[in-house]
Amino acid sequence: MRLAVAAFVNSFFEERVKRLFDLAELVERIFASAGLEYRVAGGLATYLYVEQVEPDSGRLTKDIDIAVRRADLRKIAQAAEPFGLEHRHVAGVDMLISASEPSARRAVHLVFAGEKVRREYVEAVPDLGPYVSLRGIRLIPLADLVRMKLTSFRARDEAHLKDLDEAGLITAEIESGLSAALLERLKRARERD
């Protein structure tokens, strides 16, 4: 019986991973076809960075967060349509969702480079500069990802920070680029272990 349950759980997990990476590959095709820039941020970026150095240690996420330029929003919406995604603005969030199976939980959430996601946030989303490519996906640089996680600082962000830290990815060099407010949050996150 345990073997059957383990096989079910494993196949369920593998299906979730496949759906997530299929969506990430679709994002890459959309943006490449339109000549537009994006950077994956959030949980998927954390997962990929952690998995690169500590295989089987990353936490899976349900959606994809990407940083884009607000000026490109109309072009993004137009580019996504032929690929079966449509732009929606719901509850203050811009996203690309499947036209045939709409679900905000499995959407591509857009955050805008150079803007705060929420007014109360300490820092804005970093500008789109260089990127790291893992599995053919354009990721926000690790230092920028850490800053974003410390800026939003929700429970899931703290879990992601813990994963990055345990994998040895939050280095002294990254810490040296953090503001005093974000360093304090990193200290608090580390103390909660």
N, C-alpha and C. Protein backbone atom coordinates (compact mmCIF):
# COMPACT_ATOMS: atom_id res chain seq x y z
N MET A 1 0.81 -1.19 0.00
CA MET A 1 0.00 0.00 0.00
C MET A 1 0.86 1.27 0.00
N ARG A 2 1.94 1.27 0.82
CA ARG A 2 2.82 2.44 0.86
C ARG A 2 3.43 2.72 -0.49
N LEU A 3 3.81 1.68 -1.19
CA LEU A 3 4.41 1.84 -2.52
C LEU A 3 3.45 2.51 -3.48
N ALA A 4 2.17 2.13 -3.44
CA ALA A 4 1.16 2.73 -4.31
C ALA A 4 0.96 4.20 -3.98
N VAL A 5 0.92 4.54 -2.69
CA VAL A 5 0.77 5.93 -2.27
C VAL A 5 1.99 6.74 -2.71
N ALA A 6 3.18 6.20 -2.51
CA ALA A 6 4.40 6.90 -2.91
C ALA A 6 4.43 7.13 -4.41
N ALA A 7 4.01 6.15 -5.19
CA ALA A 7 3.97 6.31 -6.65
C ALA A 7 2.98 7.39 -7.05
N PHE A 8 1.82 7.42 -6.37
CA PHE A 8 0.81 8.44 -6.67
C PHE A 8 1.34 9.83 -6.35
N VAL A 9 1.94 10.00 -5.15
CA VAL A 9 2.48 11.29 -4.74
C VAL A 9 3.57 11.73 -5.71
N ASN A 10 4.45 10.82 -6.09
CA ASN A 10 5.53 11.14 -7.01
C ASN A 10 4.98 11.57 -8.37
N SER A 11 4.00 10.85 -8.90
CA SER A 11 3.46 11.22 -10.21
C SER A 11 2.71 12.55 -10.13
N PHE A 12 2.03 12.81 -9.01
CA PHE A 12 1.34 14.08 -8.82
C PHE A 12 2.35 15.22 -8.82
N PHE A 13 3.45 15.06 -8.07
CA PHE A 13 4.50 16.07 -8.00
C PHE A 13 5.12 16.30 -9.38
N GLU A 14 5.43 15.21 -10.08
CA GLU A 14 6.03 15.33 -11.41
C GLU A 14 5.11 16.05 -12.37
N GLU A 15 3.81 15.82 -12.28
CA GLU A 15 2.85 16.51 -13.14
C GLU A 15 2.83 18.01 -12.84
N ARG A 16 2.89 18.37 -11.56
CA ARG A 16 2.93 19.79 -11.18
C ARG A 16 4.19 20.46 -11.72
N VAL A 17 5.32 19.78 -11.58
CA VAL A 17 6.59 20.32 -12.08
C VAL A 17 6.51 20.50 -13.59
N LYS A 18 5.98 19.51 -14.28
CA LYS A 18 5.87 19.58 -15.74
C LYS A 18 4.99 20.77 -16.16
N ARG A 19 3.83 20.93 -15.50
CA ARG A 19 2.93 22.06 -15.83
C ARG A 19 3.63 23.39 -15.61
N LEU A 20 4.35 23.50 -14.51
CA LEU A 20 5.04 24.75 -14.19
C LEU A 20 6.10 25.06 -15.24
N PHE A 21 6.90 24.06 -15.61
CA PHE A 21 7.95 24.31 -16.59
C PHE A 21 7.39 24.47 -18.00
N ASP A 22 6.29 23.83 -18.30
CA ASP A 22 5.63 24.07 -19.59
C ASP A 22 5.19 25.52 -19.69
N LEU A 23 4.64 26.06 -18.59
CA LEU A 23 4.23 27.46 -18.57
C LEU A 23 5.43 28.38 -18.69
N ALA A 24 6.51 28.06 -18.00
CA ALA A 24 7.73 28.88 -18.09
C ALA A 24 8.30 28.87 -19.51
N GLU A 25 8.28 27.72 -20.15
CA GLU A 25 8.74 27.63 -21.55
C GLU A 25 7.84 28.43 -22.47
N LEU A 26 6.54 28.43 -22.18
CA LEU A 26 5.60 29.22 -22.98
C LEU A 26 5.90 30.71 -22.83
N VAL A 27 6.19 31.13 -21.62
CA VAL A 27 6.56 32.54 -21.38
C VAL A 27 7.78 32.90 -22.21
N GLU A 28 8.78 32.04 -22.20
CA GLU A 28 9.99 32.30 -22.99
C GLU A 28 9.66 32.43 -24.48
N ARG A 29 8.83 31.54 -24.99
CA ARG A 29 8.46 31.60 -26.42
C ARG A 29 7.70 32.89 -26.74
N ILE A 30 6.78 33.27 -25.86
CA ILE A 30 6.00 34.51 -26.07
C ILE A 30 6.93 35.71 -26.14
N PHE A 31 7.78 35.85 -25.14
CA PHE A 31 8.63 37.04 -25.07
C PHE A 31 9.70 37.03 -26.15
N ALA A 32 10.24 35.88 -26.46
CA ALA A 32 11.24 35.79 -27.53
C ALA A 32 10.61 36.14 -28.87
N SER A 33 9.39 35.66 -29.11
CA SER A 33 8.73 35.92 -30.41
C SER A 33 8.44 37.40 -30.60
N ALA A 34 8.22 38.12 -29.51
CA ALA A 34 7.89 39.54 -29.60
C ALA A 34 9.10 40.44 -29.36
N GLY A 35 10.26 39.84 -29.06
CA GLY A 35 11.45 40.64 -28.80
C GLY A 35 11.33 41.47 -27.53
N LEU A 36 10.62 40.94 -26.53
CA LEU A 36 10.40 41.66 -25.27
C LEU A 36 11.24 41.06 -24.15
N GLU A 37 11.54 41.88 -23.18
CA GLU A 37 12.34 41.45 -22.03
C GLU A 37 11.44 41.07 -20.87
N TYR A 38 11.89 40.12 -20.08
CA TYR A 38 11.25 39.72 -18.83
C TYR A 38 12.31 39.05 -17.98
N ARG A 39 12.04 38.91 -16.69
CA ARG A 39 12.89 38.15 -15.80
C ARG A 39 11.98 37.40 -14.84
N VAL A 40 12.16 36.10 -14.73
CA VAL A 40 11.41 35.33 -13.75
C VAL A 40 11.94 35.69 -12.37
N ALA A 41 11.02 35.97 -11.47
CA ALA A 41 11.34 36.30 -10.08
C ALA A 41 10.50 35.38 -9.19
N GLY A 42 10.47 35.63 -7.93
CA GLY A 42 9.57 34.89 -7.05
C GLY A 42 9.97 33.44 -6.82
N GLY A 43 8.96 32.63 -6.57
CA GLY A 43 9.15 31.25 -6.17
C GLY A 43 9.86 30.38 -7.19
N LEU A 44 9.55 30.55 -8.47
CA LEU A 44 10.21 29.73 -9.49
C LEU A 44 11.69 30.07 -9.58
N ALA A 45 12.02 31.34 -9.50
CA ALA A 45 13.44 31.73 -9.53
C ALA A 45 14.16 31.13 -8.32
N THR A 46 13.53 31.21 -7.16
CA THR A 46 14.13 30.62 -5.95
C THR A 46 14.34 29.13 -6.14
N TYR A 47 13.33 28.45 -6.63
CA TYR A 47 13.40 27.01 -6.87
C TYR A 47 14.58 26.66 -7.77
N LEU A 48 14.72 27.39 -8.87
CA LEU A 48 15.79 27.08 -9.83
C LEU A 48 17.18 27.35 -9.26
N TYR A 49 17.34 28.47 -8.55
CA TYR A 49 18.63 28.76 -7.94
C TYR A 49 19.00 27.70 -6.91
N VAL A 50 18.05 27.33 -6.05
CA VAL A 50 18.33 26.34 -5.00
C VAL A 50 18.62 24.98 -5.62
N GLU A 51 17.82 24.56 -6.59
CA GLU A 51 17.99 23.25 -7.21
C GLU A 51 19.34 23.13 -7.92
N GLN A 52 19.87 24.26 -8.38
CA GLN A 52 21.15 24.24 -9.07
C GLN A 52 22.28 23.80 -8.13
N VAL A 53 22.22 24.19 -6.87
CA VAL A 53 23.30 23.84 -5.93
C VAL A 53 22.91 22.75 -4.94
N GLU A 54 21.62 22.57 -4.69
CA GLU A 54 21.13 21.56 -3.74
C GLU A 54 19.95 20.82 -4.40
N PRO A 55 20.22 19.90 -5.32
CA PRO A 55 19.12 19.19 -5.99
C PRO A 55 18.15 18.58 -4.98
N ASP A 56 16.89 18.64 -5.33
CA ASP A 56 15.79 18.11 -4.51
C ASP A 56 15.54 18.91 -3.23
N SER A 57 16.05 20.13 -3.17
CA SER A 57 15.84 20.95 -1.97
C SER A 57 14.89 22.12 -2.21
N GLY A 58 14.56 22.41 -3.45
CA GLY A 58 13.73 23.57 -3.75
C GLY A 58 12.27 23.33 -3.45
N ARG A 59 11.56 24.41 -3.11
CA ARG A 59 10.11 24.36 -2.89
C ARG A 59 9.42 24.70 -4.20
N LEU A 60 8.44 23.92 -4.53
CA LEU A 60 7.69 24.17 -5.75
C LEU A 60 6.68 25.29 -5.54
N THR A 61 6.42 26.03 -6.57
CA THR A 61 5.45 27.11 -6.55
C THR A 61 4.33 26.77 -7.53
N LYS A 62 3.20 27.47 -7.44
CA LYS A 62 2.07 27.17 -8.32
C LYS A 62 2.00 28.10 -9.52
N ASP A 63 2.52 29.31 -9.35
CA ASP A 63 2.44 30.30 -10.42
C ASP A 63 3.83 30.79 -10.77
N ILE A 64 3.87 31.72 -11.69
CA ILE A 64 5.15 32.30 -12.09
C ILE A 64 5.04 33.81 -11.97
N ASP A 65 6.02 34.41 -11.31
CA ASP A 65 6.10 35.87 -11.21
C ASP A 65 7.19 36.33 -12.16
N ILE A 66 6.87 37.31 -12.99
CA ILE A 66 7.89 37.85 -13.88
C ILE A 66 7.93 39.36 -13.77
N ALA A 67 9.13 39.89 -13.85
CA ALA A 67 9.33 41.34 -13.89
C ALA A 67 9.37 41.76 -15.35
N VAL A 68 8.59 42.79 -15.67
CA VAL A 68 8.49 43.32 -17.03
C VAL A 68 8.50 44.84 -16.96
N ARG A 69 8.57 45.47 -18.10
CA ARG A 69 8.46 46.94 -18.17
C ARG A 69 6.99 47.30 -18.40
N ARG A 70 6.47 48.22 -17.59
CA ARG A 70 5.08 48.64 -17.75
C ARG A 70 4.81 49.15 -19.17
N ALA A 71 5.78 49.81 -19.76
CA ALA A 71 5.60 50.33 -21.12
C ALA A 71 5.34 49.22 -22.14
N ASP A 72 5.72 47.99 -21.82
CA ASP A 72 5.53 46.85 -22.73
C ASP A 72 4.22 46.12 -22.52
N LEU A 73 3.38 46.55 -21.58
CA LEU A 73 2.20 45.77 -21.20
C LEU A 73 1.28 45.48 -22.38
N ARG A 74 1.00 46.47 -23.19
CA ARG A 74 0.11 46.24 -24.34
C ARG A 74 0.73 45.25 -25.32
N LYS A 75 2.02 45.37 -25.58
CA LYS A 75 2.71 44.44 -26.48
C LYS A 75 2.72 43.02 -25.90
N ILE A 76 2.89 42.92 -24.58
CA ILE A 76 2.87 41.62 -23.91
C ILE A 76 1.51 40.96 -24.10
N ALA A 77 0.45 41.72 -23.86
CA ALA A 77 -0.92 41.19 -24.00
C ALA A 77 -1.16 40.70 -25.43
N GLN A 78 -0.72 41.48 -26.40
CA GLN A 78 -0.90 41.09 -27.81
C GLN A 78 -0.07 39.87 -28.16
N ALA A 79 1.15 39.80 -27.66
CA ALA A 79 2.03 38.67 -27.96
C ALA A 79 1.52 37.38 -27.33
N ALA A 80 0.86 37.47 -26.18
CA ALA A 80 0.41 36.28 -25.44
C ALA A 80 -0.81 35.63 -26.08
N GLU A 81 -1.66 36.41 -26.72
CA GLU A 81 -2.92 35.88 -27.27
C GLU A 81 -2.74 34.69 -28.21
N PRO A 82 -1.86 34.75 -29.20
CA PRO A 82 -1.71 33.60 -30.10
C PRO A 82 -1.22 32.33 -29.39
N PHE A 83 -0.70 32.48 -28.19
CA PHE A 83 -0.20 31.33 -27.42
C PHE A 83 -1.22 30.83 -26.40
N GLY A 84 -2.43 31.38 -26.45
CA GLY A 84 -3.50 30.90 -25.58
C GLY A 84 -3.56 31.55 -24.21
N LEU A 85 -2.81 32.62 -24.01
CA LEU A 85 -2.87 33.35 -22.75
C LEU A 85 -3.49 34.71 -22.98
N GLU A 86 -4.21 35.19 -21.99
CA GLU A 86 -4.77 36.53 -22.10
C GLU A 86 -4.42 37.34 -20.87
N HIS A 87 -4.30 38.65 -21.11
CA HIS A 87 -3.98 39.57 -20.03
C HIS A 87 -5.24 39.90 -19.25
N ARG A 88 -5.11 39.89 -17.94
CA ARG A 88 -6.20 40.34 -17.06
C ARG A 88 -5.61 41.14 -15.92
N HIS A 89 -6.40 42.11 -15.47
CA HIS A 89 -6.04 42.89 -14.29
C HIS A 89 -7.10 42.58 -13.25
N VAL A 90 -6.71 41.82 -12.21
CA VAL A 90 -7.66 41.36 -11.20
C VAL A 90 -7.13 41.71 -9.81
N ALA A 91 -7.96 42.37 -9.03
CA ALA A 91 -7.61 42.72 -7.64
C ALA A 91 -6.25 43.42 -7.56
N GLY A 92 -6.00 44.32 -8.50
CA GLY A 92 -4.76 45.08 -8.49
C GLY A 92 -3.55 44.36 -9.04
N VAL A 93 -3.75 43.16 -9.61
CA VAL A 93 -2.64 42.36 -10.13
C VAL A 93 -2.82 42.15 -11.63
N ASP A 94 -1.74 42.42 -12.37
CA ASP A 94 -1.74 42.12 -13.80
C ASP A 94 -1.23 40.70 -13.97
N MET A 95 -1.90 39.93 -14.83
CA MET A 95 -1.49 38.54 -15.04
C MET A 95 -1.84 38.08 -16.43
N LEU A 96 -1.14 37.02 -16.83
CA LEU A 96 -1.46 36.30 -18.05
C LEU A 96 -2.03 34.96 -17.60
N ILE A 97 -3.25 34.67 -18.07
CA ILE A 97 -3.88 33.41 -17.68
C ILE A 97 -4.30 32.64 -18.91
N SER A 98 -4.45 31.34 -18.73
CA SER A 98 -4.90 30.48 -19.83
C SER A 98 -6.31 30.89 -20.23
N ALA A 99 -6.51 31.14 -21.51
CA ALA A 99 -7.84 31.51 -21.99
C ALA A 99 -8.81 30.34 -21.87
N SER A 100 -8.32 29.12 -22.02
CA SER A 100 -9.20 27.95 -21.97
C SER A 100 -9.44 27.43 -20.56
N GLU A 101 -8.49 27.63 -19.64
CA GLU A 101 -8.62 27.18 -18.26
C GLU A 101 -8.15 28.28 -17.32
N PRO A 102 -8.92 29.36 -17.20
CA PRO A 102 -8.47 30.49 -16.38
C PRO A 102 -8.32 30.12 -14.90
N SER A 103 -7.15 30.42 -14.35
CA SER A 103 -6.87 30.19 -12.93
C SER A 103 -5.76 31.13 -12.49
N ALA A 104 -6.08 32.01 -11.56
CA ALA A 104 -5.06 32.94 -11.04
C ALA A 104 -3.96 32.19 -10.30
N ARG A 105 -4.28 31.00 -9.79
CA ARG A 105 -3.28 30.21 -9.06
C ARG A 105 -2.23 29.62 -9.98
N ARG A 106 -2.54 29.47 -11.25
CA ARG A 106 -1.57 28.92 -12.21
C ARG A 106 -1.28 29.93 -13.32
N ALA A 107 -1.25 31.18 -12.93
CA ALA A 107 -1.07 32.27 -13.89
C ALA A 107 0.37 32.76 -13.89
N VAL A 108 0.63 33.64 -14.83
CA VAL A 108 1.89 34.37 -14.87
C VAL A 108 1.58 35.76 -14.32
N HIS A 109 2.09 36.05 -13.13
CA HIS A 109 1.84 37.33 -12.49
C HIS A 109 2.93 38.31 -12.91
N LEU A 110 2.51 39.50 -13.29
CA LEU A 110 3.43 40.52 -13.78
C LEU A 110 3.70 41.55 -12.69
N VAL A 111 4.97 41.83 -12.44
CA VAL A 111 5.37 42.94 -11.59
C VAL A 111 6.21 43.87 -12.47
N PHE A 112 6.18 45.13 -12.15
CA PHE A 112 6.78 46.12 -13.04
C PHE A 112 8.11 46.63 -12.54
N ALA A 113 9.12 46.49 -13.38
CA ALA A 113 10.47 46.94 -13.07
C ALA A 113 10.46 48.43 -12.73
N GLY A 114 11.18 48.79 -11.68
CA GLY A 114 11.27 50.19 -11.28
C GLY A 114 10.09 50.70 -10.48
N GLU A 115 9.11 49.83 -10.19
CA GLU A 115 7.92 50.22 -9.42
C GLU A 115 7.79 49.35 -8.18
N LYS A 116 7.20 49.92 -7.14
CA LYS A 116 6.88 49.13 -5.95
C LYS A 116 5.66 48.27 -6.24
N VAL A 117 5.68 47.02 -5.81
CA VAL A 117 4.53 46.14 -5.99
C VAL A 117 3.38 46.65 -5.13
N ARG A 118 3.69 47.11 -3.92
CA ARG A 118 2.72 47.74 -3.02
C ARG A 118 3.32 49.03 -2.50
N ARG A 119 2.47 50.01 -2.26
CA ARG A 119 2.95 51.32 -1.81
C ARG A 119 3.84 51.24 -0.58
N GLU A 120 3.48 50.34 0.35
CA GLU A 120 4.21 50.26 1.61
C GLU A 120 5.54 49.54 1.50
N TYR A 121 5.84 48.95 0.37
CA TYR A 121 7.11 48.23 0.22
C TYR A 121 8.29 49.19 0.32
N VAL A 122 9.38 48.70 0.88
CA VAL A 122 10.58 49.50 1.10
C VAL A 122 11.28 49.81 -0.21
N GLU A 123 11.29 48.85 -1.13
CA GLU A 123 12.01 49.03 -2.39
C GLU A 123 11.15 48.63 -3.59
N ALA A 124 11.53 49.16 -4.73
CA ALA A 124 10.85 48.85 -5.99
C ALA A 124 11.43 47.57 -6.59
N VAL A 125 10.72 47.01 -7.54
CA VAL A 125 11.23 45.87 -8.31
C VAL A 125 12.46 46.36 -9.08
N PRO A 126 13.55 45.61 -9.05
CA PRO A 126 14.77 46.04 -9.76
C PRO A 126 14.51 46.21 -11.26
N ASP A 127 15.30 47.09 -11.86
CA ASP A 127 15.22 47.28 -13.31
C ASP A 127 15.68 46.01 -14.02
N LEU A 128 15.28 45.88 -15.27
CA LEU A 128 15.66 44.70 -16.05
C LEU A 128 17.06 44.91 -16.62
N GLY A 129 18.00 44.31 -15.98
CA GLY A 129 19.38 44.35 -16.44
C GLY A 129 19.76 42.98 -16.95
N PRO A 130 20.96 42.56 -16.65
CA PRO A 130 21.40 41.23 -17.08
C PRO A 130 20.54 40.15 -16.44
N TYR A 131 20.58 38.97 -17.01
CA TYR A 131 19.82 37.86 -16.43
C TYR A 131 20.68 36.61 -16.38
N VAL A 132 20.20 35.66 -15.60
CA VAL A 132 20.82 34.34 -15.51
C VAL A 132 19.88 33.39 -16.22
N SER A 133 20.41 32.54 -17.08
CA SER A 133 19.57 31.58 -17.78
C SER A 133 19.76 30.19 -17.18
N LEU A 134 18.68 29.64 -16.64
CA LEU A 134 18.66 28.28 -16.13
C LEU A 134 17.50 27.55 -16.77
N ARG A 135 17.78 26.39 -17.34
CA ARG A 135 16.76 25.60 -18.04
C ARG A 135 16.07 26.42 -19.13
N GLY A 136 16.78 27.34 -19.73
CA GLY A 136 16.23 28.15 -20.80
C GLY A 136 15.28 29.24 -20.34
N ILE A 137 15.30 29.53 -19.05
CA ILE A 137 14.41 30.53 -18.46
C ILE A 137 15.26 31.70 -17.99
N ARG A 138 14.84 32.92 -18.31
CA ARG A 138 15.58 34.12 -17.91
C ARG A 138 15.22 34.50 -16.48
N LEU A 139 16.17 34.37 -15.58
CA LEU A 139 15.94 34.68 -14.17
C LEU A 139 16.52 36.03 -13.79
N ILE A 140 15.86 36.66 -12.85
CA ILE A 140 16.39 37.87 -12.25
C ILE A 140 17.69 37.49 -11.53
N PRO A 141 18.70 38.34 -11.52
CA PRO A 141 19.93 38.00 -10.81
C PRO A 141 19.64 37.68 -9.33
N LEU A 142 20.43 36.81 -8.77
CA LEU A 142 20.22 36.32 -7.41
C LEU A 142 20.15 37.47 -6.39
N ALA A 143 21.04 38.44 -6.49
CA ALA A 143 21.03 39.56 -5.54
C ALA A 143 19.70 40.32 -5.61
N ASP A 144 19.17 40.49 -6.82
CA ASP A 144 17.88 41.18 -6.98
C ASP A 144 16.74 40.33 -6.41
N LEU A 145 16.82 39.01 -6.60
CA LEU A 145 15.80 38.12 -6.05
C LEU A 145 15.78 38.21 -4.52
N VAL A 146 16.95 38.20 -3.91
CA VAL A 146 17.02 38.31 -2.45
C VAL A 146 16.41 39.63 -1.99
N ARG A 147 16.73 40.72 -2.68
CA ARG A 147 16.15 42.02 -2.33
C ARG A 147 14.63 41.99 -2.44
N MET A 148 14.12 41.37 -3.51
CA MET A 148 12.66 41.30 -3.69
C MET A 148 12.01 40.48 -2.59
N LYS A 149 12.62 39.36 -2.21
CA LYS A 149 12.08 38.51 -1.15
C LYS A 149 12.09 39.24 0.19
N LEU A 150 13.15 40.00 0.45
CA LEU A 150 13.22 40.77 1.70
C LEU A 150 12.27 41.96 1.68
N THR A 151 11.97 42.49 0.51
CA THR A 151 11.05 43.62 0.40
C THR A 151 9.62 43.17 0.68
N SER A 152 9.18 42.08 0.09
CA SER A 152 7.80 41.61 0.32
C SER A 152 7.67 40.93 1.68
N PHE A 153 8.62 40.12 2.05
CA PHE A 153 8.80 39.56 3.39
C PHE A 153 7.55 38.93 3.99
N ARG A 154 6.79 38.21 3.17
CA ARG A 154 5.67 37.42 3.67
C ARG A 154 6.21 36.08 4.17
N ALA A 155 5.36 35.26 4.75
CA ALA A 155 5.81 33.95 5.28
C ALA A 155 6.46 33.12 4.18
N ARG A 156 5.87 33.10 2.98
CA ARG A 156 6.47 32.31 1.90
C ARG A 156 7.81 32.89 1.46
N ASP A 157 7.94 34.21 1.53
CA ASP A 157 9.22 34.82 1.18
C ASP A 157 10.30 34.44 2.19
N GLU A 158 9.92 34.40 3.46
CA GLU A 158 10.88 33.97 4.48
C GLU A 158 11.29 32.52 4.25
N ALA A 159 10.34 31.67 3.85
CA ALA A 159 10.67 30.27 3.55
C ALA A 159 11.64 30.19 2.37
N HIS A 160 11.41 31.02 1.35
CA HIS A 160 12.31 31.05 0.20
C HIS A 160 13.69 31.56 0.61
N LEU A 161 13.72 32.58 1.46
CA LEU A 161 15.00 33.10 1.95
C LEU A 161 15.75 32.03 2.72
N LYS A 162 15.04 31.27 3.52
CA LYS A 162 15.67 30.19 4.27
C LYS A 162 16.27 29.16 3.31
N ASP A 163 15.52 28.81 2.26
CA ASP A 163 16.03 27.86 1.27
C ASP A 163 17.30 28.39 0.61
N LEU A 164 17.27 29.65 0.20
CA LEU A 164 18.45 30.25 -0.44
C LEU A 164 19.64 30.29 0.52
N ASP A 165 19.37 30.65 1.77
CA ASP A 165 20.43 30.76 2.76
C ASP A 165 21.03 29.39 3.08
N GLU A 166 20.17 28.38 3.26
CA GLU A 166 20.67 27.03 3.56
C GLU A 166 21.47 26.44 2.41
N ALA A 167 21.19 26.89 1.19
CA ALA A 167 21.95 26.43 0.04
C ALA A 167 23.25 27.24 -0.14
N GLY A 168 23.50 28.18 0.77
CA GLY A 168 24.72 28.98 0.71
C GLY A 168 24.69 30.06 -0.35
N LEU A 169 23.49 30.44 -0.79
CA LEU A 169 23.38 31.40 -1.89
C LEU A 169 23.31 32.86 -1.44
N ILE A 170 22.98 33.11 -0.17
CA ILE A 170 22.99 34.49 0.32
C ILE A 170 24.38 34.75 0.89
N THR A 171 25.22 35.26 0.04
CA THR A 171 26.64 35.44 0.36
C THR A 171 26.89 36.80 1.01
N ALA A 172 28.10 36.97 1.52
CA ALA A 172 28.50 38.26 2.09
C ALA A 172 28.42 39.36 1.04
N GLU A 173 28.76 39.01 -0.20
CA GLU A 173 28.68 39.99 -1.29
C GLU A 173 27.24 40.46 -1.48
N ILE A 174 26.28 39.53 -1.47
CA ILE A 174 24.87 39.92 -1.61
C ILE A 174 24.44 40.75 -0.41
N GLU A 175 24.83 40.33 0.78
CA GLU A 175 24.47 41.08 1.99
C GLU A 175 25.01 42.51 1.94
N SER A 176 26.21 42.69 1.40
CA SER A 176 26.81 44.03 1.35
C SER A 176 26.03 44.99 0.47
N GLY A 177 25.21 44.47 -0.44
CA GLY A 177 24.40 45.32 -1.32
C GLY A 177 23.02 45.62 -0.78
N LEU A 178 22.70 45.13 0.41
CA LEU A 178 21.37 45.34 0.98
C LEU A 178 21.31 46.62 1.81
N SER A 179 20.17 47.27 1.78
CA SER A 179 19.94 48.45 2.63
C SER A 179 19.87 48.00 4.08
N ALA A 180 19.97 48.95 4.99
CA ALA A 180 19.89 48.65 6.42
C ALA A 180 18.56 47.98 6.77
N ALA A 181 17.48 48.45 6.18
CA ALA A 181 16.15 47.88 6.46
C ALA A 181 16.08 46.42 6.01
N LEU A 182 16.64 46.12 4.84
CA LEU A 182 16.59 44.75 4.34
C LEU A 182 17.55 43.85 5.11
N LEU A 183 18.69 44.37 5.55
CA LEU A 183 19.61 43.59 6.39
C LEU A 183 18.94 43.21 7.70
N GLU A 184 18.17 44.12 8.25
CA GLU A 184 17.44 43.84 9.50
C GLU A 184 16.43 42.72 9.27
N ARG A 185 15.74 42.75 8.15
CA ARG A 185 14.78 41.68 7.85
C ARG A 185 15.49 40.34 7.67
N LEU A 186 16.64 40.35 7.02
CA LEU A 186 17.40 39.11 6.85
C LEU A 186 17.81 38.56 8.21
N LYS A 187 18.24 39.44 9.10
CA LYS A 187 18.62 39.02 10.45
C LYS A 187 17.42 38.39 11.16
N ARG A 188 16.25 39.03 11.05
CA ARG A 188 15.03 38.48 11.69
C ARG A 188 14.68 37.12 11.11
N ALA A 189 14.78 36.98 9.79
CA ALA A 189 14.46 35.70 9.15
C ALA A 189 15.41 34.61 9.65
N ARG A 190 16.66 34.93 9.78
CA ARG A 190 17.63 33.95 10.26
C ARG A 190 17.40 33.57 11.72
N GLU A 191 16.94 34.51 12.51
CA GLU A 191 16.68 34.25 13.93
C GLU A 191 15.48 33.35 14.14
N ARG A 192 14.58 33.29 13.17
CA ARG A 192 13.36 32.48 13.32
C ARG A 192 13.60 31.00 13.07
N ASP A 193 14.77 30.63 12.70
CA ASP A 193 15.06 29.21 12.43
C ASP A 193 14.77 28.35 13.57
